[in-house]
Amino acid sequence: MQRTLVFLALLSGAAVSLPAAVSAAPANELAQAQSHQQKRIQALSRRDRQGAYEALVATGDARPPAPLRDATGHVIGLSVEQRQAATREAAIDLAALGFTAADVSAYRKRDVDLFELVRKFFSGTASPGEQMAMADTVVIATAGPAVQGRTRWDGFLSAIPLTVVDSLKGSRAPGDTVYLARKSGLMPDGLLMEVSSEVALVPGKRYLLALSKNLYEQWTAEARKQPEAAFSALPFLIYEVSDGGALLAGPQPARSGANPKDIKTAERQLRTFSLDQH
């Protein structure tokens, strides 16, 4: 669950440190990071994604992480073990988000390194186009009222139904319903849980959303829960769409790079990284 918690911190705009696997950590911290990676790999196995992870590790990291610096600015070199752990961490992230070794090869032909891209994503420095590249679903959809107060198998407390108006990426079609899974909602004891990093959507309004069903499924697998049967996902980006097609700066814009001003700009940013494979 550590990676998921980091993701939620990114949504709230909090500062995020690099994973322990790539920091200048003592040997015991490196061992802890490797143990955590193993738990995440087990979750990939439960999703039938372990083969994809192993192929990604075999493909290798074209550009290892940049050297870290201490408080005085001096470069701290990474050990072989730390570099290997960093490659495994990026490979886990890519497999978790639905990518394959074939995707890495295809992107490298366009001089795009998915290993570096996924690091930027989880460190909060990815541009809107890069975040849409990491998403498996990008849609324009109309929000409905949150559904809560029922038993769920995925560990979430509520979901916001979104009726797809237009699909820019992924398998959804106009008229389909996508559910935005939320940790906020009514708990079994009747108390209301509110997660500050989760944004509220207004029923009836249209939004452009970059979503990940794969991250949702990884979250449930790491928590040893079961995903819902309906198409559910977690958000990377959410922009409100005005009547004229302009995108308002929220409720969940990118933390890095220029946010798209309208739908056409978002489509251009998306095409920059599109391989028509997800």
Protein backbone atom coordinates (compact mmCIF):
# COMPACT_ATOMS: atom_id res chain seq x y z
CA MET A 1 0.00 0.00 0.00
CA GLN A 2 2.99 2.35 0.28
CA ARG A 3 2.89 3.29 -3.39
CA THR A 4 -0.81 4.01 -3.18
CA LEU A 5 -0.32 6.27 -0.18
CA VAL A 6 2.35 8.16 -2.10
CA PHE A 7 -0.12 8.54 -4.95
CA LEU A 8 -2.72 10.04 -2.61
CA ALA A 9 -0.11 12.47 -1.30
CA LEU A 10 0.50 13.61 -4.87
CA LEU A 11 -3.19 14.27 -5.31
CA SER A 12 -3.21 16.51 -2.26
CA GLY A 13 -0.18 18.47 -3.48
CA ALA A 14 2.01 17.28 -0.61
CA ALA A 15 5.76 17.04 -1.03
CA VAL A 16 6.86 13.47 -1.76
CA SER A 17 10.29 11.99 -1.21
CA LEU A 18 11.85 9.49 -3.56
CA PRO A 19 11.10 5.81 -2.79
CA ALA A 20 13.42 4.28 -0.21
CA ALA A 21 14.77 1.98 -2.90
CA VAL A 22 16.50 4.88 -4.67
CA SER A 23 17.54 6.93 -1.67
CA ALA A 24 20.92 6.83 0.00
CA ALA A 25 19.48 4.52 2.64
CA PRO A 26 21.27 2.27 5.11
CA ALA A 27 21.36 -1.43 4.34
CA ASN A 28 18.41 -2.19 6.63
CA GLU A 29 16.24 0.38 4.86
CA LEU A 30 17.21 -1.11 1.50
CA ALA A 31 16.21 -4.52 2.82
CA GLN A 32 12.86 -3.11 3.94
CA ALA A 33 12.31 -1.57 0.51
CA GLN A 34 13.10 -4.90 -1.15
CA SER A 35 10.64 -6.66 1.18
CA HIS A 36 7.97 -4.12 0.25
CA GLN A 37 8.74 -4.62 -3.44
CA GLN A 38 8.23 -8.35 -2.98
CA LYS A 39 4.76 -7.74 -1.55
CA ARG A 40 3.93 -5.57 -4.54
CA ILE A 41 5.21 -8.27 -6.91
CA GLN A 42 2.94 -10.77 -5.16
CA ALA A 43 0.05 -8.40 -5.86
CA LEU A 44 1.08 -8.32 -9.52
CA SER A 45 1.05 -12.11 -9.50
CA ARG A 46 -2.51 -12.10 -8.18
CA ARG A 47 -3.37 -9.88 -11.15
CA ASP A 48 -1.54 -12.17 -13.62
CA ARG A 49 0.95 -9.34 -14.22
CA GLN A 50 4.12 -10.94 -12.83
CA GLY A 51 5.23 -12.06 -16.29
CA ALA A 52 4.91 -8.48 -17.53
CA TYR A 53 7.00 -7.27 -14.57
CA GLU A 54 9.76 -9.84 -15.21
CA ALA A 55 9.90 -8.88 -18.89
CA LEU A 56 10.18 -5.21 -17.93
CA VAL A 57 13.10 -5.95 -15.59
CA ALA A 58 14.78 -7.94 -18.35
CA THR A 59 14.28 -5.04 -20.77
CA GLY A 60 16.35 -2.90 -18.42
CA ASP A 61 16.51 0.71 -17.43
CA ALA A 62 17.88 2.81 -20.29
CA ARG A 63 18.63 5.79 -18.05
CA PRO A 64 19.21 4.93 -14.37
CA PRO A 65 18.03 7.48 -11.79
CA ALA A 66 20.07 10.65 -11.54
CA PRO A 67 22.57 10.74 -8.64
CA LEU A 68 21.19 12.08 -5.40
CA ARG A 69 22.70 15.03 -3.55
CA ASP A 70 23.19 15.59 0.16
CA ALA A 71 22.27 18.74 2.07
CA THR A 72 25.49 20.45 0.97
CA GLY A 73 24.90 19.72 -2.71
CA HIS A 74 27.51 17.01 -3.03
CA VAL A 75 26.61 14.11 -5.33
CA ILE A 76 25.81 10.84 -3.59
CA GLY A 77 26.45 7.87 -5.83
CA LEU A 78 23.99 4.99 -5.96
CA SER A 79 25.24 1.50 -5.18
CA VAL A 80 24.66 -1.38 -7.57
CA GLU A 81 22.00 -2.71 -5.21
CA GLN A 82 20.23 0.64 -5.09
CA ARG A 83 20.27 0.94 -8.88
CA GLN A 84 18.85 -2.55 -9.21
CA ALA A 85 16.19 -1.76 -6.62
CA ALA A 86 15.31 1.45 -8.50
CA THR A 87 14.91 -0.48 -11.75
CA ARG A 88 12.71 -3.05 -10.02
CA GLU A 89 10.59 -0.29 -8.48
CA ALA A 90 10.02 1.36 -11.86
CA ALA A 91 9.28 -2.02 -13.45
CA ILE A 92 6.72 -2.77 -10.72
CA ASP A 93 5.08 0.61 -11.31
CA LEU A 94 4.94 0.11 -15.07
CA ALA A 95 3.50 -3.40 -14.74
CA ALA A 96 1.01 -2.13 -12.16
CA LEU A 97 -0.18 0.55 -14.60
CA GLY A 98 -0.63 -2.01 -17.39
CA PHE A 99 2.54 -1.45 -19.43
CA THR A 100 4.67 -4.16 -21.03
CA ALA A 101 8.20 -4.60 -22.32
CA ALA A 102 6.79 -4.14 -25.84
CA ASP A 103 5.51 -0.71 -24.79
CA VAL A 104 8.96 0.23 -23.48
CA SER A 105 10.53 -0.74 -26.82
CA ALA A 106 7.89 1.13 -28.83
CA TYR A 107 8.32 4.30 -26.77
CA ARG A 108 12.12 4.11 -26.97
CA LYS A 109 11.84 4.25 -30.75
CA ARG A 110 10.25 7.65 -30.18
CA ASP A 111 12.99 8.60 -27.69
CA VAL A 112 10.64 8.31 -24.72
CA ASP A 113 11.86 6.31 -21.73
CA LEU A 114 8.90 4.82 -19.84
CA PHE A 115 11.13 4.04 -16.85
CA GLU A 116 11.96 7.72 -16.50
CA LEU A 117 8.37 8.72 -17.24
CA VAL A 118 6.91 6.55 -14.47
CA ARG A 119 9.46 7.98 -12.01
CA LYS A 120 8.38 11.50 -12.95
CA PHE A 121 4.77 10.48 -12.51
CA PHE A 122 5.15 9.12 -8.99
CA SER A 123 7.44 11.99 -7.91
CA GLY A 124 4.81 14.53 -8.99
CA THR A 125 6.86 16.12 -11.79
CA ALA A 126 5.04 14.70 -14.84
CA SER A 127 3.32 17.08 -17.25
CA PRO A 128 -0.39 16.70 -18.08
CA GLY A 129 0.51 14.91 -21.33
CA GLU A 130 2.83 12.55 -19.46
CA GLN A 131 0.15 11.84 -16.86
CA MET A 132 -2.33 11.03 -19.62
CA ALA A 133 0.29 8.70 -21.07
CA MET A 134 0.38 6.86 -17.74
CA ALA A 135 -3.43 6.63 -17.64
CA ASP A 136 -5.27 3.78 -19.35
CA THR A 137 -8.51 5.74 -19.68
CA VAL A 138 -9.12 9.36 -20.67
CA VAL A 139 -12.74 10.42 -21.03
CA ILE A 140 -15.10 13.36 -21.00
CA ALA A 141 -17.93 12.38 -18.69
CA THR A 142 -20.85 13.73 -16.69
CA ALA A 143 -20.70 13.16 -12.93
CA GLY A 144 -23.54 11.66 -10.95
CA PRO A 145 -24.17 11.66 -7.18
CA ALA A 146 -21.81 9.53 -5.08
CA VAL A 147 -22.93 5.97 -4.37
CA GLN A 148 -22.22 4.94 -0.78
CA GLY A 149 -23.64 3.05 2.19
CA ARG A 150 -23.46 -0.40 0.60
CA THR A 151 -21.08 -3.30 1.12
CA ARG A 152 -18.06 -3.15 -1.17
CA TRP A 153 -15.40 -5.79 -1.74
CA ASP A 154 -12.61 -3.47 -2.87
CA GLY A 155 -11.88 -1.65 0.41
CA PHE A 156 -13.30 1.68 -0.81
CA LEU A 157 -16.28 3.35 0.85
CA SER A 158 -17.98 5.06 -2.10
CA ALA A 159 -17.82 5.73 -5.82
CA ILE A 160 -18.84 8.53 -8.16
CA PRO A 161 -20.56 7.29 -11.32
CA LEU A 162 -19.46 9.03 -14.51
CA THR A 163 -21.43 8.72 -17.73
CA VAL A 164 -19.02 8.85 -20.67
CA VAL A 165 -19.75 11.55 -23.24
CA ASP A 166 -16.59 11.05 -25.32
CA SER A 167 -13.61 8.68 -25.04
CA LEU A 168 -10.14 10.01 -25.83
CA LYS A 169 -8.20 6.93 -24.70
CA GLY A 170 -9.08 3.43 -23.57
CA SER A 171 -11.92 0.97 -23.96
CA ARG A 172 -14.84 3.08 -22.74
CA ALA A 173 -17.49 4.30 -25.19
CA PRO A 174 -20.11 7.07 -25.03
CA GLY A 175 -22.92 5.99 -22.74
CA ASP A 176 -20.71 3.72 -20.61
CA THR A 177 -20.48 4.27 -16.88
CA VAL A 178 -17.12 4.59 -15.14
CA TYR A 179 -16.93 4.56 -11.35
CA LEU A 180 -14.44 6.79 -9.55
CA ALA A 181 -13.51 4.77 -6.44
CA ARG A 182 -13.18 6.81 -3.25
CA LYS A 183 -11.88 6.23 0.27
CA SER A 184 -14.30 8.91 1.45
CA GLY A 185 -17.80 7.79 2.40
CA LEU A 186 -19.96 6.18 5.05
CA MET A 187 -18.21 3.59 7.18
CA PRO A 188 -20.03 0.47 8.44
CA ASP A 189 -20.59 2.16 11.83
CA GLY A 190 -22.38 5.05 10.11
CA LEU A 191 -19.57 7.58 10.58
CA LEU A 192 -18.46 9.63 7.57
CA MET A 193 -14.85 9.25 6.46
CA GLU A 194 -13.45 12.22 4.55
CA VAL A 195 -10.08 11.99 2.77
CA SER A 196 -8.76 15.50 2.16
CA SER A 197 -6.84 14.50 -0.97
CA GLU A 198 -10.01 13.36 -2.75
CA VAL A 199 -11.81 16.04 -4.73
CA ALA A 200 -15.57 16.45 -4.91
CA LEU A 201 -17.35 16.38 -8.27
CA VAL A 202 -20.61 18.23 -8.84
CA PRO A 203 -23.44 16.03 -10.17
CA GLY A 204 -24.51 17.13 -13.63
CA LYS A 205 -21.22 18.81 -14.53
CA ARG A 206 -18.89 17.54 -17.25
CA TYR A 207 -15.26 16.70 -16.60
CA LEU A 208 -12.21 15.59 -18.54
CA LEU A 209 -10.63 12.79 -16.53
CA ALA A 210 -7.38 10.84 -16.88
CA LEU A 211 -8.02 7.60 -15.00
CA SER A 212 -6.35 4.30 -14.24
CA LYS A 213 -8.31 1.08 -13.86
CA ASN A 214 -4.95 -0.65 -13.55
CA LEU A 215 -3.91 1.38 -10.50
CA TYR A 216 -7.29 0.66 -8.91
CA GLU A 217 -6.78 -3.07 -9.47
CA GLN A 218 -3.22 -2.88 -8.09
CA TRP A 219 -4.47 -1.07 -5.00
CA THR A 220 -7.09 -3.76 -4.33
CA ALA A 221 -4.57 -6.56 -4.95
CA GLU A 222 -2.02 -5.04 -2.54
CA ALA A 223 -4.78 -4.69 0.06
CA ARG A 224 -5.87 -8.30 -0.64
CA LYS A 225 -9.32 -7.08 -1.61
CA GLN A 226 -11.48 -7.86 -4.64
CA PRO A 227 -12.17 -5.29 -7.38
CA GLU A 228 -15.76 -4.36 -8.10
CA ALA A 229 -17.37 -5.94 -11.16
CA ALA A 230 -18.22 -2.53 -12.63
CA PHE A 231 -15.49 -0.53 -14.41
CA SER A 232 -13.76 1.32 -11.56
CA ALA A 233 -10.70 3.53 -11.65
CA LEU A 234 -8.56 6.03 -9.75
CA PRO A 235 -7.96 9.58 -11.02
CA PHE A 236 -4.72 11.15 -12.23
CA LEU A 237 -6.19 14.40 -13.62
CA ILE A 238 -9.65 15.98 -13.47
CA TYR A 239 -10.65 19.19 -15.24
CA GLU A 240 -14.11 20.70 -15.30
CA VAL A 241 -15.33 21.27 -18.87
CA SER A 242 -17.15 24.54 -19.58
CA ASP A 243 -20.00 24.79 -22.08
CA GLY A 244 -17.58 26.14 -24.70
CA GLY A 245 -15.07 23.29 -24.25
CA ALA A 246 -12.60 25.24 -22.12
CA LEU A 247 -10.99 23.36 -19.24
CA LEU A 248 -11.14 24.99 -15.84
CA ALA A 249 -8.07 24.72 -13.60
CA GLY A 250 -9.46 22.03 -11.36
CA PRO A 251 -10.65 20.24 -9.39
CA GLN A 252 -7.52 18.08 -9.83
CA PRO A 253 -5.04 19.73 -12.23
CA ALA A 254 -1.45 18.71 -12.86
CA ARG A 255 1.16 19.82 -10.33
CA SER A 256 3.81 20.23 -13.04
CA GLY A 257 3.72 21.67 -16.55
CA ALA A 258 1.09 23.77 -18.29
CA ASN A 259 -2.47 22.53 -17.84
CA PRO A 260 -4.43 22.27 -21.12
CA LYS A 261 -6.69 25.23 -21.75
CA ASP A 262 -9.33 23.30 -23.67
CA ILE A 263 -10.26 19.82 -24.91
CA LYS A 264 -8.39 20.20 -28.19
CA THR A 265 -5.19 21.11 -26.34
CA ALA A 266 -5.61 18.04 -24.12
CA GLU A 267 -6.09 15.87 -27.20
CA ARG A 268 -2.87 17.24 -28.73
CA GLN A 269 -0.96 16.56 -25.51
CA LEU A 270 -2.38 13.05 -25.44
CA ARG A 271 -1.41 12.35 -29.07
CA THR A 272 2.20 13.27 -28.25
CA PHE A 273 2.49 10.03 -26.27
CA SER A 274 -0.18 7.91 -27.93
CA LEU A 275 0.74 4.47 -29.27
CA ASP A 276 -2.91 3.37 -29.56
CA GLN A 277 -2.10 0.36 -27.39
CA HIS A 278 -3.92 1.07 -24.15
